[in-house]
């Protein structure tokens, strides 16, 4: 395994760091937490010019044809700047399964619009319980001879309120059985989208479907293949989310380290005190270990090897490290980092939102246990 960045990845990393530091200041992040859209359309268009929405999409669909590892590098930089916007849900959650399971007509119709930034997508899987799993679904799509009619609710659909399309996983063989994926236009009659108030201000939504008619042509993959598609997209999305969390941890570490050098108490920088030194060293160890696990999982996945255990390890570690490192950084800052106005608070408020993406720590640990034969 060679985890050194390629020349292209180094260029991408530098460009992303420069762009995001300029366009995504923490003050702007706090503003967007209260903005009805939750993201900046102008910045979204600038990202199109950089080719980010189509980074890993084939050139025939308007993309750049880059490798998955390039997207991992980009997501890490987005996490470092806690970039708010529908990039992850559009590219990581929806474009990847569409590229794998979509018919040619579906790919030709949707992927160029994703690459050009004209269409935003949101994944609709989880329901009211918040549990991520196939047995929890009651939202159903019934066939009436002409097409499917969807009824039910989906919760925690990120940026659904600004999405043009939803990738919806529904029951087509009875409650909790025969799950199937549908691509649903958000302008369809019978769809009602409501914003959920969250601590993270991360654009979570509830989507209600009342007699929403969907053509069979909008089925992604085959009937009954819905959870297979979710498992496929989850592998890639969990790596990307873990990379994003890893970037956030690196930023928090840098903030704590800088503060420890600058803050003077008893005529000395607090970083000269052993209790602070050891805490920051522990934070550094956590970050380095997490980055290794993330890159290992990404490399295994990108090279077509068995990666489920490594992916679950990376996500479980990311959940734990993100929380621990933010709490330790708050302590280093003397608790001021907990406040809404401090930059550290921007990261702290996103801990739980990141942890429960595509399952929680327990589900990740269960996957690891199964992977080692327990």
Protein backbone atom coordinates (compact mmCIF):
# COMPACT_ATOMS: atom_id res chain seq x y z
CA UNK A 1 0.00 0.00 0.00
CA UNK A 2 1.36 3.38 -1.03
CA UNK A 3 -0.56 6.22 0.60
CA UNK A 4 1.58 9.00 -0.84
CA UNK A 5 -0.40 11.53 -2.85
CA UNK A 6 0.07 11.49 -6.59
CA UNK A 7 1.04 14.72 -8.32
CA UNK A 8 -2.59 15.18 -9.37
CA UNK A 9 -3.82 14.60 -5.82
CA UNK A 10 -1.32 17.07 -4.40
CA UNK A 11 -2.57 19.68 -6.86
CA UNK A 12 -6.18 18.89 -6.00
CA UNK A 13 -5.48 19.06 -2.26
CA UNK A 14 -3.72 22.42 -2.54
CA UNK A 15 -6.38 23.87 -4.83
CA UNK A 16 -9.19 22.65 -2.57
CA UNK A 17 -7.51 24.02 0.56
CA UNK A 18 -7.04 27.43 -1.06
CA UNK A 19 -10.55 27.58 -2.50
CA UNK A 20 -12.34 26.44 0.64
CA UNK A 21 -10.37 28.68 2.99
CA UNK A 22 -11.37 31.63 0.81
CA UNK A 23 -14.99 30.69 0.11
CA UNK A 24 -15.86 28.86 3.33
CA UNK A 25 -14.82 30.96 6.32
CA UNK A 26 -16.21 29.90 9.69
CA UNK A 27 -18.27 33.08 9.86
CA UNK A 28 -19.84 32.09 6.54
CA UNK A 29 -20.47 28.58 7.85
CA UNK A 30 -22.36 30.04 10.81
CA UNK A 31 -24.39 32.25 8.46
CA UNK A 32 -25.34 29.26 6.31
CA UNK A 33 -26.51 27.34 9.37
CA UNK A 34 -29.35 29.88 9.56
CA UNK A 35 -29.84 30.29 5.82
CA UNK A 36 -33.02 28.66 4.40
CA UNK A 37 -31.03 26.96 1.65
CA UNK A 38 -28.18 25.86 3.89
CA UNK A 39 -25.60 26.33 1.15
CA UNK A 40 -24.23 29.05 -1.12
CA UNK A 41 -25.41 28.66 -4.76
CA UNK A 42 -22.63 30.99 -5.95
CA UNK A 43 -19.96 28.77 -4.39
CA UNK A 44 -21.77 25.73 -5.83
CA UNK A 45 -21.36 27.22 -9.31
CA UNK A 46 -17.69 27.95 -8.68
CA UNK A 47 -17.24 24.29 -7.72
CA UNK A 48 -18.71 23.35 -11.10
CA UNK A 49 -15.98 25.40 -12.78
CA UNK A 50 -13.43 23.39 -10.80
CA UNK A 51 -15.09 20.17 -11.95
CA UNK A 52 -15.79 18.85 -8.46
CA UNK A 53 -19.38 17.66 -8.96
CA UNK A 54 -18.20 15.54 -11.87
CA UNK A 55 -14.80 14.65 -10.46
CA UNK A 56 -15.20 10.86 -10.60
CA UNK A 57 -17.84 10.72 -13.33
CA UNK A 58 -16.73 9.50 -16.76
CA UNK A 59 -15.91 12.13 -19.37
CA UNK A 60 -18.76 10.88 -21.57
CA UNK A 61 -21.18 12.22 -18.94
CA UNK A 62 -19.42 15.54 -18.53
CA UNK A 63 -17.14 14.42 -15.71
CA UNK A 64 -13.38 14.44 -15.24
CA UNK A 65 -12.89 10.68 -14.97
CA UNK A 66 -10.75 10.95 -11.83
CA UNK A 67 -10.14 8.09 -9.40
CA UNK A 68 -12.12 7.44 -6.23
CA UNK A 69 -9.03 8.27 -4.15
CA UNK A 70 -9.11 11.78 -5.62
CA UNK A 71 -12.62 12.21 -4.25
CA UNK A 72 -11.41 10.98 -0.84
CA UNK A 73 -8.74 13.69 -0.85
CA UNK A 74 -11.33 16.31 -1.75
CA UNK A 75 -13.74 15.17 0.97
CA UNK A 76 -10.96 15.35 3.54
CA UNK A 77 -10.37 19.00 2.64
CA UNK A 78 -14.11 19.70 2.76
CA UNK A 79 -14.18 18.23 6.26
CA UNK A 80 -11.24 20.37 7.29
CA UNK A 81 -13.32 23.42 6.38
CA UNK A 82 -16.69 21.86 7.41
CA UNK A 83 -18.02 22.85 4.01
CA UNK A 84 -21.82 23.16 4.11
CA UNK A 85 -23.65 22.04 1.01
CA UNK A 86 -25.26 19.14 -0.87
CA UNK A 87 -22.01 17.82 -2.37
CA UNK A 88 -21.80 14.63 -0.30
CA UNK A 89 -25.45 13.71 -0.70
CA UNK A 90 -25.43 14.42 -4.45
CA UNK A 91 -22.11 12.84 -5.42
CA UNK A 92 -21.34 10.40 -2.61
CA UNK A 93 -24.84 9.08 -1.93
CA UNK A 94 -26.59 9.28 -5.30
CA UNK A 95 -24.24 9.69 -8.28
CA UNK A 96 -22.14 6.67 -7.34
CA UNK A 97 -25.04 4.15 -7.29
CA UNK A 98 -26.56 5.77 -10.38
CA UNK A 99 -23.30 5.22 -12.23
CA UNK A 100 -23.20 1.57 -11.14
CA UNK A 101 -26.86 0.50 -11.41
CA UNK A 102 -28.41 2.97 -13.82
CA UNK A 103 -29.44 2.01 -17.33
CA UNK A 104 -27.65 3.89 -20.09
CA UNK A 105 -30.65 6.15 -20.65
CA UNK A 106 -30.75 6.97 -16.93
CA UNK A 107 -27.05 7.72 -16.75
CA UNK A 108 -27.13 9.82 -19.90
CA UNK A 109 -30.14 11.73 -18.60
CA UNK A 110 -28.98 12.42 -15.04
CA UNK A 111 -25.19 12.28 -14.67
CA UNK A 112 -24.42 15.24 -16.99
CA UNK A 113 -26.84 17.37 -14.95
CA UNK A 114 -25.04 16.33 -11.76
CA UNK A 115 -21.63 17.07 -13.26
CA UNK A 116 -22.80 20.50 -14.39
CA UNK A 117 -24.21 21.31 -10.97
CA UNK A 118 -27.71 21.79 -12.39
CA UNK A 119 -29.22 18.99 -10.35
CA UNK A 120 -28.95 18.33 -6.62
CA UNK A 121 -29.87 14.92 -5.21
CA UNK A 122 -30.77 13.57 -1.79
CA UNK A 123 -30.92 10.00 -0.50
CA UNK A 124 -34.16 8.96 1.21
CA UNK A 125 -33.63 5.74 3.18
CA UNK A 126 -34.05 6.30 6.93
CA UNK A 127 -37.48 6.56 8.49
CA UNK A 128 -38.82 8.00 11.74
CA UNK A 129 -37.02 5.55 14.05
CA UNK A 130 -33.67 6.81 12.77
CA UNK A 131 -32.43 3.23 12.55
CA UNK A 132 -30.49 2.48 9.38
CA UNK A 133 -31.58 -0.93 8.18
CA UNK A 134 -33.92 -2.76 5.80
CA UNK A 135 -36.25 -4.04 8.50
CA UNK A 136 -37.29 -0.57 9.59
CA UNK A 137 -39.05 0.55 6.41
CA UNK A 138 -42.76 1.18 6.03
CA UNK A 139 -42.70 3.60 3.07
CA UNK A 140 -44.17 1.54 0.25
CA UNK A 141 -44.53 1.71 -3.53
CA UNK A 142 -47.48 -0.22 -4.95
CA UNK A 143 -47.82 -1.15 -8.60
CA UNK A 144 -51.22 -0.32 -10.11
CA UNK A 145 -50.67 -1.55 -13.64
CA UNK A 146 -49.46 1.81 -14.94
CA UNK A 147 -46.63 2.55 -12.56
CA UNK A 148 -45.85 2.77 -8.86
CA UNK A 149 -47.59 4.88 -6.22
CA UNK A 150 -45.47 5.83 -3.20
CA UNK A 151 -46.91 6.50 0.25
CA UNK A 152 -45.07 7.03 3.50
CA UNK A 153 -42.36 9.16 5.08
CA UNK A 154 -38.59 9.41 4.99
CA UNK A 155 -36.58 11.23 7.64
CA UNK A 156 -33.10 12.74 7.80
CA UNK A 157 -32.87 13.29 4.05
CA UNK A 158 -30.05 15.80 3.86
CA UNK A 159 -30.67 18.83 1.64
CA UNK A 160 -33.90 17.35 0.30
CA UNK A 161 -35.43 20.84 0.53
CA UNK A 162 -33.14 22.07 -2.26
CA UNK A 163 -32.90 18.78 -4.17
CA UNK A 164 -34.18 18.29 -7.69
CA UNK A 165 -34.28 14.50 -7.34
CA UNK A 166 -34.57 11.96 -4.55
CA UNK A 167 -33.19 8.43 -4.54
CA UNK A 168 -35.92 6.71 -2.52
CA UNK A 169 -35.79 3.19 -1.11
CA UNK A 170 -39.32 1.76 -0.79
CA UNK A 171 -41.00 -1.51 0.06
CA UNK A 172 -42.47 -3.14 -3.04
CA UNK A 173 -43.31 -6.52 -1.56
CA UNK A 174 -44.99 -5.66 1.72
CA UNK A 175 -43.79 -3.72 4.76
CA UNK A 176 -40.09 -4.22 5.27
CA UNK A 177 -39.79 -6.60 2.32
CA UNK A 178 -38.80 -6.40 -1.31
CA UNK A 179 -36.99 -3.06 -1.16
CA UNK A 180 -36.62 -1.19 -4.45
CA UNK A 181 -34.87 2.06 -5.40
CA UNK A 182 -36.71 4.81 -7.28
CA UNK A 183 -35.53 8.11 -8.70
CA UNK A 184 -38.21 10.63 -7.80
CA UNK A 185 -38.57 14.18 -9.09
CA UNK A 186 -39.14 16.47 -6.09
CA UNK A 187 -41.62 18.51 -8.13
CA UNK A 188 -43.99 15.54 -8.25
CA UNK A 189 -47.48 16.13 -6.89
CA UNK A 190 -47.91 14.66 -3.40
CA UNK A 191 -44.40 15.34 -2.09
CA UNK A 192 -44.06 17.55 0.97
CA UNK A 193 -40.62 18.41 2.34
CA UNK A 194 -40.08 19.92 5.78
CA UNK A 195 -36.84 21.09 7.35
CA UNK A 196 -35.83 19.48 10.64
CA UNK A 197 -34.27 21.69 13.30
CA UNK A 198 -30.92 20.19 14.26
CA UNK A 199 -27.99 21.31 16.39
CA UNK A 200 -25.66 20.90 13.42
CA UNK A 201 -27.81 23.00 11.09
CA UNK A 202 -26.96 20.49 8.39
CA UNK A 203 -30.06 20.58 6.19
CA UNK A 204 -31.83 17.47 7.47
CA UNK A 205 -35.39 17.05 6.17
CA UNK A 206 -38.54 14.98 6.49
CA UNK A 207 -40.13 13.97 3.19
CA UNK A 208 -43.78 12.92 3.01
CA UNK A 209 -45.13 10.97 0.05
CA UNK A 210 -48.88 10.92 -0.54
CA UNK A 211 -49.97 9.01 -3.64
CA UNK A 212 -46.83 10.02 -5.54
CA UNK A 213 -46.87 8.36 -8.94
CA UNK A 214 -43.55 7.15 -10.33
CA UNK A 215 -42.95 5.49 -13.67
CA UNK A 216 -41.33 2.07 -13.83
CA UNK A 217 -38.68 3.75 -16.00
CA UNK A 218 -37.51 5.58 -12.87
CA UNK A 219 -36.68 2.39 -11.02
CA UNK A 220 -32.94 2.17 -10.34
CA UNK A 221 -31.69 -1.36 -10.78
CA UNK A 222 -34.16 -4.23 -10.54
CA UNK A 223 -37.23 -4.67 -8.38
CA UNK A 224 -36.19 -6.01 -4.98
CA UNK A 225 -32.60 -4.83 -5.44
CA UNK A 226 -32.99 -1.72 -3.30
CA UNK A 227 -31.00 -2.80 -0.27
CA UNK A 228 -28.23 -4.22 -2.44
CA UNK A 229 -27.92 -0.75 -3.93
CA UNK A 230 -27.87 0.82 -0.46
CA UNK A 231 -25.13 -1.57 0.66
CA UNK A 232 -23.13 -0.71 -2.46
CA UNK A 233 -23.39 3.06 -2.05
CA UNK A 234 -22.77 2.76 1.70
CA UNK A 235 -19.29 1.33 1.14
CA UNK A 236 -18.19 4.37 -0.84
CA UNK A 237 -20.18 6.89 1.18
CA UNK A 238 -18.85 5.64 4.53
CA UNK A 239 -15.27 6.03 3.30
CA UNK A 240 -16.05 9.54 2.07
CA UNK A 241 -17.79 10.51 5.32
CA UNK A 242 -14.90 9.08 7.33
CA UNK A 243 -12.46 11.12 5.22
CA UNK A 244 -14.56 14.23 5.83
CA UNK A 245 -14.54 13.57 9.59
CA UNK A 246 -10.79 12.94 9.47
CA UNK A 247 -10.24 16.34 7.86
CA UNK A 248 -12.37 17.94 10.57
CA UNK A 249 -10.29 16.24 13.26
CA UNK A 250 -7.10 17.58 11.69
CA UNK A 251 -8.51 21.11 11.76
CA UNK A 252 -9.57 20.79 15.41
CA UNK A 253 -6.12 19.49 16.35
CA UNK A 254 -4.46 22.44 14.61
CA UNK A 255 -6.73 24.88 16.46
CA UNK A 256 -5.92 23.32 19.83
CA UNK A 257 -2.20 23.23 19.08
CA UNK A 258 -2.11 26.88 17.98
CA UNK A 259 -4.11 27.99 21.02
CA UNK A 260 -1.79 26.07 23.37
CA UNK A 261 1.19 27.93 21.91
CA UNK A 262 -0.44 31.37 22.05
CA UNK A 263 -2.37 31.27 25.34
CA UNK A 264 -0.18 32.43 28.22
CA UNK A 265 -0.87 31.56 31.84
CA UNK A 266 1.54 32.03 34.76
CA UNK A 267 3.88 33.76 32.28
CA UNK A 268 4.15 30.62 30.15
CA UNK A 269 2.30 29.27 27.10
CA UNK A 270 -0.15 26.65 28.37
CA UNK A 271 1.36 24.25 25.84
CA UNK A 272 4.44 24.07 28.07
CA UNK A 273 2.41 22.35 30.79
CA UNK A 274 2.54 18.57 30.78
CA UNK A 275 -1.22 18.09 31.12
CA UNK A 276 -1.83 20.09 27.94
CA UNK A 277 1.13 18.56 26.09
CA UNK A 278 -0.02 15.01 26.72
CA UNK A 279 -3.60 15.81 25.74
CA UNK A 280 -2.48 17.25 22.40
CA UNK A 281 -0.14 14.30 21.79
CA UNK A 282 -3.08 11.97 22.38
CA UNK A 283 -5.10 14.01 19.88
CA UNK A 284 -2.28 13.76 17.34
CA UNK A 285 -2.10 9.98 17.80
CA UNK A 286 -5.84 9.73 17.26
CA UNK A 287 -5.73 11.78 14.07
CA UNK A 288 -2.79 9.90 12.58
CA UNK A 289 -4.39 6.54 13.37
CA UNK A 290 -7.73 7.59 11.90
CA UNK A 291 -6.14 8.87 8.70
CA UNK A 292 -4.34 5.57 8.22
CA UNK A 293 -7.57 3.57 8.64
CA UNK A 294 -9.44 5.84 6.24
CA UNK A 295 -6.78 5.59 3.54
CA UNK A 296 -6.49 1.84 4.01
CA UNK A 297 -10.24 1.40 3.57
CA UNK A 298 -10.28 3.71 0.55
CA UNK A 299 -7.37 1.87 -1.06
CA UNK A 300 -8.94 -1.56 -0.54
CA UNK A 301 -12.25 -0.37 -1.97
CA UNK A 302 -10.66 1.41 -4.92
CA UNK A 303 -8.58 -1.64 -5.83
CA UNK A 304 -11.54 -4.03 -5.72
CA UNK A 305 -10.48 -5.95 -2.63
CA UNK A 306 -12.62 -7.00 0.34
CA UNK A 307 -13.08 -3.80 2.27
CA UNK A 308 -16.19 -4.08 4.45
CA UNK A 309 -14.28 -4.71 7.69
CA UNK A 310 -11.77 -1.93 7.01
CA UNK A 311 -14.55 0.50 6.08
CA UNK A 312 -16.46 -0.27 9.28
CA UNK A 313 -13.28 0.11 11.35
CA UNK A 314 -12.61 3.50 9.78
CA UNK A 315 -16.15 4.75 10.44
CA UNK A 316 -16.24 3.46 14.02
CA UNK A 317 -12.87 5.07 14.68
CA UNK A 318 -13.98 8.31 13.03
CA UNK A 319 -17.07 8.45 15.24
CA UNK A 320 -15.00 7.98 18.39
CA UNK A 321 -12.09 10.23 17.47
CA UNK A 322 -14.23 13.11 16.20
CA UNK A 323 -16.08 13.27 19.51
CA UNK A 324 -13.03 12.76 21.72
CA UNK A 325 -10.84 15.24 19.89
CA UNK A 326 -13.50 17.96 19.93
CA UNK A 327 -14.09 17.50 23.67
CA UNK A 328 -10.34 17.59 24.37
CA UNK A 329 -9.96 20.70 22.22
CA UNK A 330 -12.75 22.39 24.16
CA UNK A 331 -10.87 21.60 27.38
CA UNK A 332 -7.63 23.00 25.97
CA UNK A 333 -9.51 26.19 25.09
CA UNK A 334 -10.88 26.45 28.62
CA UNK A 335 -14.44 25.61 27.49
CA UNK A 336 -14.86 28.71 25.30
CA UNK A 337 -14.75 26.42 22.29
CA UNK A 338 -18.19 25.12 23.26
CA UNK A 339 -19.84 28.43 22.46
CA UNK A 340 -21.76 29.18 19.26
CA UNK A 341 -19.45 32.04 18.30
CA UNK A 342 -16.18 30.14 18.49
CA UNK A 343 -14.86 28.37 15.40
CA UNK A 344 -14.36 25.17 17.36
CA UNK A 345 -18.08 25.09 18.09
CA UNK A 346 -18.77 24.72 14.35
CA UNK A 347 -17.07 21.33 14.46
CA UNK A 348 -18.42 20.33 17.87
CA UNK A 349 -22.03 20.77 16.74
CA UNK A 350 -21.58 18.31 13.88
CA UNK A 351 -20.31 15.33 15.88
CA UNK A 352 -23.58 13.44 16.24
CA UNK A 353 -24.79 14.24 12.73
CA UNK A 354 -21.64 12.67 11.30
CA UNK A 355 -21.76 9.71 13.68
CA UNK A 356 -25.23 8.59 12.60
CA UNK A 357 -24.64 8.89 8.85
CA UNK A 358 -25.50 5.50 7.28
CA UNK A 359 -25.64 3.80 10.65
CA UNK A 360 -24.10 4.44 14.06
CA UNK A 361 -21.02 3.13 15.86
CA UNK A 362 -22.80 -0.03 17.02
CA UNK A 363 -23.66 -1.05 13.46
CA UNK A 364 -20.07 -0.39 12.37
CA UNK A 365 -18.69 -2.45 15.25
CA UNK A 366 -21.11 -5.27 14.44
CA UNK A 367 -19.69 -5.34 10.91
CA UNK A 368 -16.14 -5.48 12.26
CA UNK A 369 -17.06 -8.31 14.66
CA UNK A 370 -18.62 -10.30 11.81
CA UNK A 371 -15.56 -9.64 9.68
CA UNK A 372 -13.23 -11.22 12.23
CA UNK A 373 -15.53 -14.20 12.79
CA UNK A 374 -17.19 -13.23 16.07
